[in-house]
C-alpha atoms as a PDB file:
ATOM      1  CA  MET A   1      85.800 144.297 150.276  1.00  0.00           C
ATOM      2  CA  ARG A   2      86.009 143.093 153.858  1.00  0.00           C
ATOM      3  CA  LEU A   3      84.486 144.894 156.188  1.00  0.00           C
ATOM      4  CA  PRO A   4      86.572 145.854 159.750  1.00  0.00           C
ATOM      5  CA  THR A   5      85.856 143.622 163.395  1.00  0.00           C
ATOM      6  CA  GLN A   6      84.726 146.107 164.713  1.00  0.00           C
ATOM      7  CA  LEU A   7      81.844 146.498 162.146  1.00  0.00           C
ATOM      8  CA  LEU A   8      80.368 142.955 162.030  1.00  0.00           C
ATOM      9  CA  GLN A   9      80.916 141.474 165.068  1.00  0.00           C
ATOM     10  CA  ARG A  10      79.796 143.373 168.769  1.00  0.00           C
ATOM     11  CA  ARG A  11      80.385 142.012 172.106  1.00  0.00           C
ATOM     12  CA  PRO A  12      77.345 140.117 173.534  1.00  0.00           C
ATOM     13  CA  GLU A  13      77.352 143.509 177.034  1.00  0.00           C
ATOM     14  CA  ALA A  14      77.308 145.855 174.248  1.00  0.00           C
ATOM     15  CA  ASN A  15      75.056 149.036 174.836  1.00  0.00           C
ATOM     16  CA  LYS A  16      74.241 151.322 172.266  1.00  0.00           C
ATOM     17  CA  ARG A  17      76.453 154.423 173.768  1.00  0.00           C
ATOM     18  CA  GLU A  18      78.936 151.920 172.286  1.00  0.00           C
ATOM     19  CA  PHE A  19      78.410 152.074 168.750  1.00  0.00           C
ATOM     20  CA  GLY A  20      77.803 156.210 168.913  1.00  0.00           C
ATOM     21  CA  HIS A  21      75.784 158.644 169.527  1.00  0.00           C
ATOM     22  CA  VAL A  22      74.768 161.121 166.170  1.00  0.00           C
ATOM     23  CA  LEU A  23      73.556 164.255 166.979  1.00  0.00           C
ATOM     24  CA  ILE A  24      72.633 165.397 163.057  1.00  0.00           C
ATOM     25  CA  LEU A  25      71.681 169.313 162.472  1.00  0.00           C
ATOM     26  CA  ALA A  26      69.442 168.912 159.478  1.00  0.00           C
ATOM     27  CA  GLY A  27      66.025 170.079 158.134  1.00  0.00           C
ATOM     28  CA  SER A  28      64.470 173.336 156.609  1.00  0.00           C
ATOM     29  CA  GLN A  29      60.655 174.270 155.927  1.00  0.00           C
ATOM     30  CA  ARG A  30      61.000 172.749 151.841  1.00  0.00           C
ATOM     31  CA  PHE A  31      64.206 170.731 152.665  1.00  0.00           C
ATOM     32  CA  SER A  32      62.372 168.046 156.451  1.00  0.00           C
ATOM     33  CA  GLY A  33      63.080 164.734 154.476  1.00  0.00           C
ATOM     34  CA  ALA A  34      66.815 165.489 154.342  1.00  0.00           C
ATOM     35  CA  ALA A  35      66.968 165.396 157.948  1.00  0.00           C
ATOM     36  CA  VAL A  36      64.906 161.913 157.702  1.00  0.00           C
ATOM     37  CA  LEU A  37      66.760 159.906 155.306  1.00  0.00           C
ATOM     38  CA  CYS A  38      70.380 161.274 156.955  1.00  0.00           C
ATOM     39  CA  ALA A  39      69.092 159.627 159.908  1.00  0.00           C
ATOM     40  CA  GLU A  40      68.114 156.932 158.952  1.00  0.00           C
ATOM     41  CA  GLY A  41      71.137 155.745 157.062  1.00  0.00           C
ATOM     42  CA  ALA A  42      72.693 156.162 160.232  1.00  0.00           C
ATOM     43  CA  MET A  43      71.162 153.657 162.092  1.00  0.00           C
ATOM     44  CA  ARG A  44      70.836 151.146 159.545  1.00  0.00           C
ATOM     45  CA  ALA A  45      74.919 151.593 159.409  1.00  0.00           C
ATOM     46  CA  GLY A  46      74.874 150.630 162.849  1.00  0.00           C
ATOM     47  CA  ALA A  47      74.452 153.711 164.827  1.00  0.00           C
ATOM     48  CA  GLY A  48      73.479 153.558 168.475  1.00  0.00           C
ATOM     49  CA  LEU A  49      71.574 157.143 169.183  1.00  0.00           C
ATOM     50  CA  VAL A  50      70.459 159.244 166.149  1.00  0.00           C
ATOM     51  CA  THR A  51      69.212 162.694 167.494  1.00  0.00           C
ATOM     52  CA  LEU A  52      67.730 164.746 164.240  1.00  0.00           C
ATOM     53  CA  GLY A  53      68.329 169.399 165.724  1.00  0.00           C
ATOM     54  CA  ILE A  54      65.383 170.613 163.720  1.00  0.00           C
ATOM     55  CA  PRO A  55      63.740 173.833 163.309  1.00  0.00           C
ATOM     56  CA  LYS A  56      60.845 173.438 166.321  1.00  0.00           C
ATOM     57  CA  SER A  57      58.266 173.905 164.501  1.00  0.00           C
ATOM     58  CA  LEU A  58      59.382 171.030 161.867  1.00  0.00           C
ATOM     59  CA  ASN A  59      59.126 168.889 165.175  1.00  0.00           C
ATOM     60  CA  LEU A  60      55.567 167.787 164.780  1.00  0.00           C
ATOM     61  CA  ALA A  61      55.757 167.276 161.109  1.00  0.00           C
ATOM     62  CA  ILE A  62      59.119 165.021 161.253  1.00  0.00           C
ATOM     63  CA  ILE A  63      58.033 163.189 164.482  1.00  0.00           C
ATOM     64  CA  LYS A  64      55.238 161.611 161.731  1.00  0.00           C
ATOM     65  CA  ILE A  65      57.678 160.739 159.418  1.00  0.00           C
ATOM     66  CA  LYS A  66      61.256 159.279 161.141  1.00  0.00           C
ATOM     67  CA  PRO A  67      61.927 156.472 162.090  1.00  0.00           C
ATOM     68  CA  LYS A  68      60.895 155.526 165.527  1.00  0.00           C
ATOM     69  CA  GLU A  69      64.068 154.995 166.793  1.00  0.00           C
ATOM     70  CA  VAL A  70      65.198 158.601 165.750  1.00  0.00           C
ATOM     71  CA  MET A  71      65.506 161.623 168.760  1.00  0.00           C
ATOM     72  CA  THR A  72      64.911 164.930 167.844  1.00  0.00           C
ATOM     73  CA  LEU A  73      66.421 168.310 169.376  1.00  0.00           C
ATOM     74  CA  PRO A  74      63.655 170.989 169.017  1.00  0.00           C
ATOM     75  CA  LEU A  75      65.125 174.431 167.777  1.00  0.00           C
ATOM     76  CA  PRO A  76      65.026 178.189 167.110  1.00  0.00           C
ATOM     77  CA  GLU A  77      64.398 178.818 163.743  1.00  0.00           C
ATOM     78  CA  THR A  78      64.505 181.950 161.945  1.00  0.00           C
ATOM     79  CA  LYS A  79      61.493 183.452 159.741  1.00  0.00           C
ATOM     80  CA  GLU A  80      62.103 180.688 156.417  1.00  0.00           C
ATOM     81  CA  MET A  81      61.671 177.357 159.176  1.00  0.00           C
ATOM     82  CA  SER A  82      65.427 176.717 158.775  1.00  0.00           C
ATOM     83  CA  LEU A  83      67.868 176.642 162.128  1.00  0.00           C
ATOM     84  CA  SER A  84      68.622 179.931 163.660  1.00  0.00           C
ATOM     85  CA  LEU A  85      72.343 181.341 164.955  1.00  0.00           C
ATOM     86  CA  THR A  86      70.584 182.015 168.288  1.00  0.00           C
ATOM     87  CA  GLY A  87      70.685 178.269 169.037  1.00  0.00           C
ATOM     88  CA  PHE A  88      74.410 177.076 168.870  1.00  0.00           C
ATOM     89  CA  LYS A  89      74.574 177.505 172.931  1.00  0.00           C
ATOM     90  CA  LYS A  90      71.530 174.978 173.192  1.00  0.00           C
ATOM     91  CA  ILE A  91      73.445 172.585 170.314  1.00  0.00           C
ATOM     92  CA  ARG A  92      77.175 173.743 172.054  1.00  0.00           C
ATOM     93  CA  ASP A  93      75.345 171.931 175.284  1.00  0.00           C
ATOM     94  CA  PHE A  94      73.670 169.394 173.615  1.00  0.00           C
ATOM     95  CA  SER A  95      76.859 168.109 171.665  1.00  0.00           C
ATOM     96  CA  LYS A  96      78.471 167.236 174.930  1.00  0.00           C
ATOM     97  CA  ASN A  97      76.810 164.438 174.644  1.00  0.00           C
ATOM     98  CA  ALA A  98      77.060 163.089 171.122  1.00  0.00           C
ATOM     99  CA  ASP A  99      79.818 161.556 169.335  1.00  0.00           C
ATOM    100  CA  VAL A 100      79.756 162.669 166.293  1.00  0.00           C
ATOM    101  CA  LEU A 101      77.677 165.670 164.973  1.00  0.00           C
ATOM    102  CA  VAL A 102      76.886 166.146 161.454  1.00  0.00           C
ATOM    103  CA  ILE A 103      75.728 169.185 159.444  1.00  0.00           C
ATOM    104  CA  GLY A 104      73.879 170.281 155.906  1.00  0.00           C
ATOM    105  CA  PRO A 105      71.096 167.783 154.714  1.00  0.00           C
ATOM    106  CA  GLY A 106      68.497 170.191 153.253  1.00  0.00           C
ATOM    107  CA  LEU A 107      69.839 172.876 156.283  1.00  0.00           C
ATOM    108  CA  GLY A 108      69.053 175.904 153.983  1.00  0.00           C
ATOM    109  CA  ARG A 109      70.692 179.103 152.555  1.00  0.00           C
ATOM    110  CA  ASN A 110      68.973 181.625 154.883  1.00  0.00           C
ATOM    111  CA  LYS A 111      72.371 183.892 156.250  1.00  0.00           C
ATOM    112  CA  SER A 112      71.776 183.338 159.911  1.00  0.00           C
ATOM    113  CA  THR A 113      71.429 179.329 158.958  1.00  0.00           C
ATOM    114  CA  LEU A 114      74.677 179.497 157.361  1.00  0.00           C
ATOM    115  CA  GLY A 115      76.678 181.566 160.379  1.00  0.00           C
ATOM    116  CA  LEU A 116      75.039 179.448 162.447  1.00  0.00           C
ATOM    117  CA  ALA A 117      76.534 175.819 159.951  1.00  0.00           C
ATOM    118  CA  ARG A 118      79.974 178.298 160.618  1.00  0.00           C
ATOM    119  CA  LYS A 119      80.150 178.576 164.548  1.00  0.00           C
ATOM    120  CA  ILE A 120      80.078 175.286 164.601  1.00  0.00           C
ATOM    121  CA  ILE A 121      82.384 173.904 162.570  1.00  0.00           C
ATOM    122  CA  SER A 122      84.624 176.601 163.863  1.00  0.00           C
ATOM    123  CA  GLY A 123      83.398 176.167 167.586  1.00  0.00           C
ATOM    124  CA  ILE A 124      82.078 171.875 168.650  1.00  0.00           C
ATOM    125  CA  ASN A 125      85.110 169.537 169.291  1.00  0.00           C
ATOM    126  CA  ILE A 126      83.625 166.237 167.926  1.00  0.00           C
ATOM    127  CA  PRO A 127      84.247 163.893 164.633  1.00  0.00           C
ATOM    128  CA  MET A 128      82.248 166.165 162.066  1.00  0.00           C
ATOM    129  CA  VAL A 129      80.273 165.248 158.627  1.00  0.00           C
ATOM    130  CA  ILE A 130      79.950 168.522 156.498  1.00  0.00           C
ATOM    131  CA  ASP A 131      77.386 167.939 153.786  1.00  0.00           C
ATOM    132  CA  ALA A 132      75.450 170.439 151.795  1.00  0.00           C
ATOM    133  CA  ASP A 133      74.640 172.898 152.301  1.00  0.00           C
ATOM    134  CA  GLY A 134      77.300 172.989 155.352  1.00  0.00           C
ATOM    135  CA  LEU A 135      79.626 172.521 152.676  1.00  0.00           C
ATOM    136  CA  ASN A 136      78.278 175.956 151.223  1.00  0.00           C
ATOM    137  CA  ALA A 137      78.514 177.862 154.756  1.00  0.00           C
ATOM    138  CA  LEU A 138      82.092 177.332 154.228  1.00  0.00           C
ATOM    139  CA  ASP A 139      82.454 179.404 150.823  1.00  0.00           C
ATOM    140  CA  GLY A 140      85.189 182.154 151.606  1.00  0.00           C
ATOM    141  CA  HIS A 141      85.832 180.654 155.030  1.00  0.00           C
ATOM    142  CA  LEU A 142      88.181 177.607 154.466  1.00  0.00           C
ATOM    143  CA  ARG A 143      90.445 178.502 157.311  1.00  0.00           C
ATOM    144  CA  ILE A 144      88.335 177.433 159.639  1.00  0.00           C
ATOM    145  CA  LEU A 145      88.773 173.404 159.010  1.00  0.00           C
ATOM    146  CA  LYS A 146      92.479 174.237 159.634  1.00  0.00           C
ATOM    147  CA  ALA A 147      91.724 175.355 163.142  1.00  0.00           C
ATOM    148  CA  ASN A 148      88.850 172.515 163.562  1.00  0.00           C
ATOM    149  CA  ARG A 149      91.674 169.993 162.828  1.00  0.00           C
ATOM    150  CA  GLN A 150      94.303 171.667 164.606  1.00  0.00           C
ATOM    151  CA  ARG A 151      92.088 170.726 168.224  1.00  0.00           C
ATOM    152  CA  GLY A 152      91.835 167.216 166.847  1.00  0.00           C
ATOM    153  CA  ASN A 153      88.915 166.808 165.098  1.00  0.00           C
ATOM    154  CA  GLN A 154      88.724 164.132 162.033  1.00  0.00           C
ATOM    155  CA  VAL A 155      86.602 166.157 159.680  1.00  0.00           C
ATOM    156  CA  THR A 156      85.102 165.226 156.372  1.00  0.00           C
ATOM    157  CA  LEU A 157      83.608 166.883 153.439  1.00  0.00           C
ATOM    158  CA  THR A 158      81.081 165.085 151.468  1.00  0.00           C
ATOM    159  CA  PRO A 159      81.180 167.204 148.381  1.00  0.00           C
ATOM    160  CA  HIS A 160      79.599 166.672 144.617  1.00  0.00           C
ATOM    161  CA  PRO A 161      81.534 168.522 141.335  1.00  0.00           C
ATOM    162  CA  GLY A 162      79.180 171.745 141.785  1.00  0.00           C
ATOM    163  CA  GLU A 163      80.179 171.361 145.579  1.00  0.00           C
ATOM    164  CA  MET A 164      83.297 171.315 145.261  1.00  0.00           C
ATOM    165  CA  ALA A 165      84.364 173.966 142.635  1.00  0.00           C
ATOM    166  CA  ARG A 166      82.585 176.558 143.886  1.00  0.00           C
ATOM    167  CA  LEU A 167      85.013 175.634 147.098  1.00  0.00           C
ATOM    168  CA  LEU A 168      87.195 175.897 145.330  1.00  0.00           C
ATOM    169  CA  ASN A 169      85.758 179.469 142.972  1.00  0.00           C
ATOM    170  CA  SER A 170      86.634 177.163 140.312  1.00  0.00           C
ATOM    171  CA  SER A 171      84.288 175.698 137.541  1.00  0.00           C
ATOM    172  CA  VAL A 172      82.461 171.655 137.825  1.00  0.00           C
ATOM    173  CA  GLU A 173      84.510 170.517 134.216  1.00  0.00           C
ATOM    174  CA  TYR A 174      87.906 171.195 136.019  1.00  0.00           C
ATOM    175  CA  VAL A 175      87.132 169.471 138.891  1.00  0.00           C
ATOM    176  CA  GLN A 176      85.960 166.264 136.490  1.00  0.00           C
ATOM    177  CA  SER A 177      88.662 166.745 134.555  1.00  0.00           C
ATOM    178  CA  LYS A 178      90.855 166.124 137.690  1.00  0.00           C
ATOM    179  CA  ARG A 179      89.519 164.654 140.801  1.00  0.00           C
ATOM    180  CA  MET A 180      91.528 163.012 142.322  1.00  0.00           C
ATOM    181  CA  GLU A 181      94.048 165.840 142.313  1.00  0.00           C
ATOM    182  CA  VAL A 182      91.632 168.067 143.613  1.00  0.00           C
ATOM    183  CA  ALA A 183      90.404 166.048 146.149  1.00  0.00           C
ATOM    184  CA  GLN A 184      93.760 164.800 147.502  1.00  0.00           C
ATOM    185  CA  LYS A 185      95.321 168.720 147.081  1.00  0.00           C
ATOM    186  CA  PHE A 186      92.459 170.177 149.145  1.00  0.00           C
ATOM    187  CA  ALA A 187      92.187 167.158 151.784  1.00  0.00           C
ATOM    188  CA  ARG A 188      96.266 168.139 152.909  1.00  0.00           C
ATOM    189  CA  ASN A 189      95.694 171.726 152.237  1.00  0.00           C
ATOM    190  CA  HIS A 190      92.742 171.701 154.156  1.00  0.00           C
ATOM    191  CA  LYS A 191      93.728 168.852 156.965  1.00  0.00           C
ATOM    192  CA  VAL A 192      90.596 166.873 155.954  1.00  0.00           C
ATOM    193  CA  THR A 193      88.787 163.974 154.631  1.00  0.00           C
ATOM    194  CA  LEU A 194      87.263 164.660 151.540  1.00  0.00           C
ATOM    195  CA  VAL A 195      84.802 162.515 149.897  1.00  0.00           C
ATOM    196  CA  LEU A 196      84.757 163.423 145.895  1.00  0.00           C
ATOM    197  CA  LYS A 197      81.595 162.490 145.199  1.00  0.00           C
ATOM    198  CA  GLY A 198      80.207 160.752 141.581  1.00  0.00           C
ATOM    199  CA  ARG A 199      81.716 158.405 139.110  1.00  0.00           C
ATOM    200  CA  GLY A 200      84.130 156.617 140.843  1.00  0.00           C
ATOM    201  CA  THR A 201      84.014 158.512 144.258  1.00  0.00           C
ATOM    202  CA  VAL A 202      87.339 159.773 145.499  1.00  0.00           C
ATOM    203  CA  ILE A 203      88.853 159.383 149.102  1.00  0.00           C
ATOM    204  CA  ALA A 204      91.292 161.591 150.245  1.00  0.00           C
ATOM    205  CA  ASP A 205      92.522 162.679 153.181  1.00  0.00           C
ATOM    206  CA  TYR A 206      95.448 164.894 154.543  1.00  0.00           C
ATOM    207  CA  LYS A 207      97.814 161.744 154.902  1.00  0.00           C
ATOM    208  CA  MET A 208      97.638 161.104 151.925  1.00  0.00           C
ATOM    209  CA  ASN A 209      95.500 157.708 152.058  1.00  0.00           C
ATOM    210  CA  LEU A 210      93.466 157.477 148.765  1.00  0.00           C
ATOM    211  CA  PHE A 211      90.139 155.003 148.259  1.00  0.00           C
ATOM    212  CA  ILE A 212      88.657 155.463 144.448  1.00  0.00           C
ATOM    213  CA  ASN A 213      85.410 153.438 144.837  1.00  0.00           C
ATOM    214  CA  LYS A 214      83.844 151.410 142.655  1.00  0.00           C
ATOM    215  CA  THR A 215      79.960 150.695 143.475  1.00  0.00           C
ATOM    216  CA  GLY A 216      77.284 152.298 142.695  1.00  0.00           C
ATOM    217  CA  ASN A 217      75.576 153.316 139.609  1.00  0.00           C
ATOM    218  CA  PRO A 218      73.662 156.297 137.444  1.00  0.00           C
ATOM    219  CA  GLY A 219      69.960 155.669 139.288  1.00  0.00           C
ATOM    220  CA  MET A 220      71.825 156.702 142.387  1.00  0.00           C
ATOM    221  CA  ALA A 221      71.959 160.266 141.299  1.00  0.00           C
ATOM    222  CA  THR A 222      68.584 160.891 142.565  1.00  0.00           C
ATOM    223  CA  ALA A 223      67.308 163.187 145.213  1.00  0.00           C
ATOM    224  CA  GLY A 224      68.312 162.146 149.111  1.00  0.00           C
ATOM    225  CA  SER A 225      71.395 159.984 147.868  1.00  0.00           C
ATOM    226  CA  GLY A 226      73.844 161.775 149.235  1.00  0.00           C
ATOM    227  CA  ASP A 227      71.705 162.069 152.877  1.00  0.00           C
ATOM    228  CA  VAL A 228      71.620 158.344 152.888  1.00  0.00           C
ATOM    229  CA  LEU A 229      75.494 158.516 152.437  1.00  0.00           C
ATOM    230  CA  THR A 230      76.680 160.866 155.105  1.00  0.00           C
ATOM    231  CA  GLY A 231      74.253 159.373 157.329  1.00  0.00           C
ATOM    232  CA  MET A 232      76.053 155.602 156.938  1.00  0.00           C
ATOM    233  CA  ILE A 233      79.621 157.439 157.124  1.00  0.00           C
ATOM    234  CA  SER A 234      78.715 159.022 160.854  1.00  0.00           C
ATOM    235  CA  ALA A 235      78.001 155.895 161.946  1.00  0.00           C
ATOM    236  CA  PHE A 236      81.027 154.281 161.269  1.00  0.00           C
ATOM    237  CA  LEU A 237      82.694 157.387 162.859  1.00  0.00           C
ATOM    238  CA  GLY A 238      80.577 156.551 165.731  1.00  0.00           C
ATOM    239  CA  GLN A 239      81.260 153.123 165.940  1.00  0.00           C
ATOM    240  CA  GLY A 240      84.867 154.092 165.903  1.00  0.00           C
ATOM    241  CA  LEU A 241      86.610 154.477 162.474  1.00  0.00           C
ATOM    242  CA  ASP A 242      89.337 156.861 161.895  1.00  0.00           C
ATOM    243  CA  ALA A 243      87.645 159.864 159.519  1.00  0.00           C
ATOM    244  CA  PHE A 244      89.659 157.734 156.348  1.00  0.00           C
ATOM    245  CA  SER A 245      88.365 154.994 156.912  1.00  0.00           C
ATOM    246  CA  ALA A 246      84.612 154.894 157.896  1.00  0.00           C
ATOM    247  CA  ALA A 247      83.985 157.476 154.669  1.00  0.00           C
ATOM    248  CA  LYS A 248      86.059 154.505 152.876  1.00  0.00           C
ATOM    249  CA  TYR A 249      83.957 151.887 153.831  1.00  0.00           C
ATOM    250  CA  ALA A 250      80.665 153.606 153.741  1.00  0.00           C
ATOM    251  CA  VAL A 251      80.838 154.975 149.864  1.00  0.00           C
ATOM    252  CA  TYR A 252      81.509 151.374 149.101  1.00  0.00           C
ATOM    253  CA  LEU A 253      77.988 149.803 151.092  1.00  0.00           C
ATOM    254  CA  HIS A 254      76.600 152.735 150.104  1.00  0.00           C
ATOM    255  CA  GLY A 255      77.177 151.819 146.101  1.00  0.00           C
ATOM    256  CA  LEU A 256      77.004 148.059 147.103  1.00  0.00           C
ATOM    257  CA  ALA A 257      72.988 148.977 148.352  1.00  0.00           C
ATOM    258  CA  GLY A 258      71.882 150.729 145.006  1.00  0.00           C
ATOM    259  CA  ASP A 259      73.373 148.400 143.309  1.00  0.00           C
ATOM    260  CA  LEU A 260      71.566 145.660 145.117  1.00  0.00           C
ATOM    261  CA  ALA A 261      68.392 148.287 144.771  1.00  0.00           C
ATOM    262  CA  ALA A 262      68.890 148.810 141.279  1.00  0.00           C
ATOM    263  CA  LYS A 263      68.728 144.905 140.361  1.00  0.00           C
ATOM    264  CA  GLU A 264      65.320 145.119 142.053  1.00  0.00           C
ATOM    265  CA  LYS A 265      63.927 148.366 141.495  1.00  0.00           C
ATOM    266  CA  THR A 266      65.897 149.483 138.307  1.00  0.00           C
ATOM    267  CA  GLU A 267      67.583 152.167 137.122  1.00  0.00           C
ATOM    268  CA  ILE A 268      65.241 154.250 136.576  1.00  0.00           C
ATOM    269  CA  SER A 269      63.221 153.350 139.480  1.00  0.00           C
ATOM    270  CA  LEU A 270      65.937 153.659 142.199  1.00  0.00           C
ATOM    271  CA  ILE A 271      64.864 156.110 145.138  1.00  0.00           C
ATOM    272  CA  ALA A 272      66.757 156.880 148.531  1.00  0.00           C
ATOM    273  CA  SER A 273      64.835 154.934 150.752  1.00  0.00           C
ATOM    274  CA  ASP A 274      66.093 151.596 148.023  1.00  0.00           C
ATOM    275  CA  ILE A 275      69.106 152.555 149.176  1.00  0.00           C
ATOM    276  CA  ILE A 276      68.337 152.215 152.546  1.00  0.00           C
ATOM    277  CA  ALA A 277      66.506 149.488 152.730  1.00  0.00           C
ATOM    278  CA  LYS A 278      69.558 146.820 150.924  1.00  0.00           C
ATOM    279  CA  ILE A 279      72.621 148.947 153.748  1.00  0.00           C
ATOM    280  CA  PRO A 280      71.717 145.524 155.386  1.00  0.00           C
ATOM    281  CA  GLU A 281      72.567 142.449 152.578  1.00  0.00           C
ATOM    282  CA  ALA A 282      75.011 144.553 151.699  1.00  0.00           C
ATOM    283  CA  LEU A 283      76.635 144.027 154.865  1.00  0.00           C
ATOM    284  CA  LYS A 284      75.688 140.794 155.058  1.00  0.00           C
ATOM    285  CA  LYS A 285      77.743 140.586 151.163  1.00  0.00           C
ATOM    286  CA  SER A 286      81.066 142.296 152.853  1.00  0.00           C
ATOM    287  CA  ARG A 287      81.577 139.420 155.975  1.00  0.00           C
END
């Protein structure tokens, strides 16, 4: 697959603001790595700026492990060291300087945290990628997705089959038996772009666009792989692609990077950081 020109060529006079500022709301006491992997995936996929919005007590620890280029935004937290609903105003104000918002990787399921996620999804008006516990926050609250789309937002959801089943109050077996139908119907009904992960990842949107990915391998079924993909999608949104195109190219390149990594590391030994390391090579092969 050949990538669009805007992902391959940059003006000599370009500056970092042209390639998007991604705000990632992620991480909790047990899952700080998810936030870092998502941020690094976004940087390697070309985001101009990335800010990690994290629970304030985790700031020092994350500074030690994050890429040097990624900024942090310490935010109010719960007793469980996850993001707190009390931080909404600070996030809303900061989001005015961002082009894309990611919510979910490693967020945790504290009641206040899930309430914050819902308030952000319904109340912040920039393109958005919702993953992991951001998706869990939508369980029983899917109506807020339509309201978001009516304000002109591009919203992308990235569920694995288990998360998709929870959103539909269905079974994983049902989702897996009707992957294309499930993805298309959900995207159409809720006015979103949906990335249904797994073998042959399905991307569908409410305009009836459909793409089934052929890259990737079983070694990518490893902790953090989805966080990297979410970061890549957000980076492509920040570089001006529409939600469907951003998801399609990110999924393809993510799988290709995984295939390149598996040749070197084997499927058994493949970890999410190996996928990030191969993003540049995947980009070169897609020129």
